[in-house]
Amino acid sequence: MAMMDLRQDKGFIVPERLLRTVSDMPKFLASRACKSLVEFIRAMNAASQGAKLSNECVVSPLVQRLLDTLDTMEGWCEEYPPSQQQMRYGNVAFREWHSRLLSSATGETSIQRPVTFSC
């Protein structure tokens, strides 16, 4: 299965929420993004077939930095545990966590991108 060449990208687009209702799903399911996501999942599945959990795994420096960043973000979850009160528009703790993510995003994620993928 050939992977899409993501370097053909026409430039960075600021992410925005487009899936707001169930009626938005058909458009997403027909999108290039959905096709790329499914293709990625299938490629990861194919690459892992026959591998055992006990097999040694070599972790590149880039992947290790990504894992460290995810650990940092997971640690923030302990700093902002879900509020136990009922809320109509989502948990306040998630908004606080997300605010922290946005304020730290440049520092946390800039180490992840190799220079070839920088904007």
Protein backbone atom coordinates (compact mmCIF):
# COMPACT_ATOMS: atom_id res chain seq x y z
CA MET A 1 0.00 0.00 0.00
CA ALA A 2 1.55 3.32 -1.06
CA MET A 3 1.48 6.11 1.51
CA MET A 4 0.42 9.59 0.46
CA ASP A 5 3.30 12.02 0.12
CA LEU A 6 2.48 14.60 2.77
CA ARG A 7 5.17 16.91 1.41
CA GLN A 8 2.80 17.81 -1.41
CA ASP A 9 0.98 19.94 1.13
CA LYS A 10 0.12 23.43 -0.06
CA GLY A 11 1.04 25.04 3.26
CA PHE A 12 0.00 25.06 6.87
CA ILE A 13 -3.69 25.50 7.65
CA VAL A 14 -4.68 26.47 11.17
CA PRO A 15 -6.79 23.61 12.53
CA GLU A 16 -10.43 24.38 13.19
CA ARG A 17 -13.32 22.31 14.43
CA LEU A 18 -15.52 21.27 11.54
CA LEU A 19 -17.29 18.25 13.02
CA ARG A 20 -20.03 19.82 15.10
CA THR A 21 -22.99 17.54 14.48
CA VAL A 22 -23.69 14.03 13.25
CA SER A 23 -24.71 15.52 9.91
CA ASP A 24 -21.08 16.68 9.42
CA MET A 25 -19.81 13.08 9.44
CA PRO A 26 -20.54 12.14 5.79
CA LYS A 27 -18.42 15.06 4.57
CA PHE A 28 -15.55 13.99 6.86
CA LEU A 29 -15.83 10.34 5.85
CA ALA A 30 -15.46 11.38 2.19
CA SER A 31 -12.54 13.73 2.91
CA ARG A 32 -8.85 13.37 2.13
CA ALA A 33 -8.13 13.69 5.86
CA CYS A 34 -10.25 10.64 6.67
CA LYS A 35 -8.67 8.66 3.86
CA SER A 36 -5.19 9.61 5.10
CA LEU A 37 -6.07 8.66 8.67
CA VAL A 38 -7.45 5.26 7.64
CA GLU A 39 -4.42 4.69 5.41
CA PHE A 40 -2.09 5.52 8.30
CA ILE A 41 -3.92 3.12 10.65
CA ARG A 42 -3.80 0.35 8.04
CA ALA A 43 -0.07 0.94 7.48
CA MET A 44 0.62 0.76 11.23
CA ASN A 45 -1.43 -2.42 11.44
CA ALA A 46 0.48 -4.00 8.56
CA ALA A 47 3.82 -2.93 10.02
CA SER A 48 3.04 -4.46 13.40
CA GLN A 49 1.76 -7.82 12.18
CA GLY A 50 3.91 -10.64 13.46
CA ALA A 51 5.56 -8.44 16.09
CA LYS A 52 5.41 -9.53 19.71
CA LEU A 53 5.02 -7.18 22.64
CA SER A 54 8.16 -8.78 24.04
CA ASN A 55 10.23 -7.76 20.98
CA GLU A 56 12.79 -5.06 21.65
CA CYS A 57 11.79 -1.75 20.12
CA VAL A 58 14.33 0.81 18.98
CA VAL A 59 13.10 4.32 19.76
CA SER A 60 14.57 7.13 17.69
CA PRO A 61 15.47 10.44 19.39
CA LEU A 62 12.53 12.12 17.63
CA VAL A 63 10.06 9.50 18.86
CA GLN A 64 11.54 9.70 22.37
CA ARG A 65 10.99 13.49 22.41
CA LEU A 66 7.41 12.91 21.29
CA LEU A 67 6.89 10.35 24.07
CA ASP A 68 8.37 12.78 26.60
CA THR A 69 5.99 15.50 25.39
CA LEU A 70 3.00 13.17 25.73
CA ASP A 71 4.17 12.29 29.26
CA THR A 72 4.30 16.01 30.07
CA MET A 73 0.76 16.54 28.78
CA GLU A 74 -0.43 13.50 30.70
CA GLY A 75 1.11 15.00 33.84
CA TRP A 76 -0.99 18.10 33.28
CA CYS A 77 -4.07 15.84 33.58
CA GLU A 78 -3.09 15.27 37.21
CA GLU A 79 -2.80 19.04 37.70
CA TYR A 80 -6.26 19.59 36.20
CA PRO A 81 -8.45 16.67 37.34
CA PRO A 82 -12.03 16.66 36.05
CA SER A 83 -14.40 18.76 38.11
CA GLN A 84 -17.08 16.72 39.84
CA GLN A 85 -19.86 19.26 39.31
CA GLN A 86 -22.39 19.06 36.49
CA MET A 87 -21.66 21.36 33.58
CA ARG A 88 -23.70 22.15 30.57
CA TYR A 89 -20.84 23.10 28.25
CA GLY A 90 -18.04 20.74 29.18
CA ASN A 91 -15.70 20.28 32.06
CA VAL A 92 -13.93 23.41 33.27
CA ALA A 93 -10.81 21.35 33.98
CA PHE A 94 -10.51 20.43 30.30
CA ARG A 95 -10.64 24.11 29.35
CA GLU A 96 -7.86 24.84 31.86
CA TRP A 97 -5.81 21.91 30.53
CA HIS A 98 -6.37 23.06 26.95
CA SER A 99 -5.38 26.62 27.86
CA ARG A 100 -2.15 25.25 29.32
CA LEU A 101 -1.58 23.24 26.16
CA LEU A 102 -2.05 26.30 23.97
CA SER A 103 0.25 28.45 26.09
CA SER A 104 2.93 25.73 26.03
CA ALA A 105 2.31 24.46 22.51
CA THR A 106 5.17 26.22 20.77
CA GLY A 107 7.75 25.09 23.29
CA GLU A 108 6.42 21.57 23.64
CA THR A 109 5.82 20.82 19.98
CA SER A 110 8.65 22.73 18.32
CA ILE A 111 11.11 20.08 19.43
CA GLN A 112 9.05 17.45 17.64
CA ARG A 113 9.30 18.69 14.07
CA PRO A 114 12.44 17.95 12.13
CA VAL A 115 13.69 21.02 10.27
CA THR A 116 12.39 19.56 6.98
CA PHE A 117 8.82 19.80 8.32
CA SER A 118 9.05 23.26 9.91
CA CYS A 119 6.66 25.90 8.63
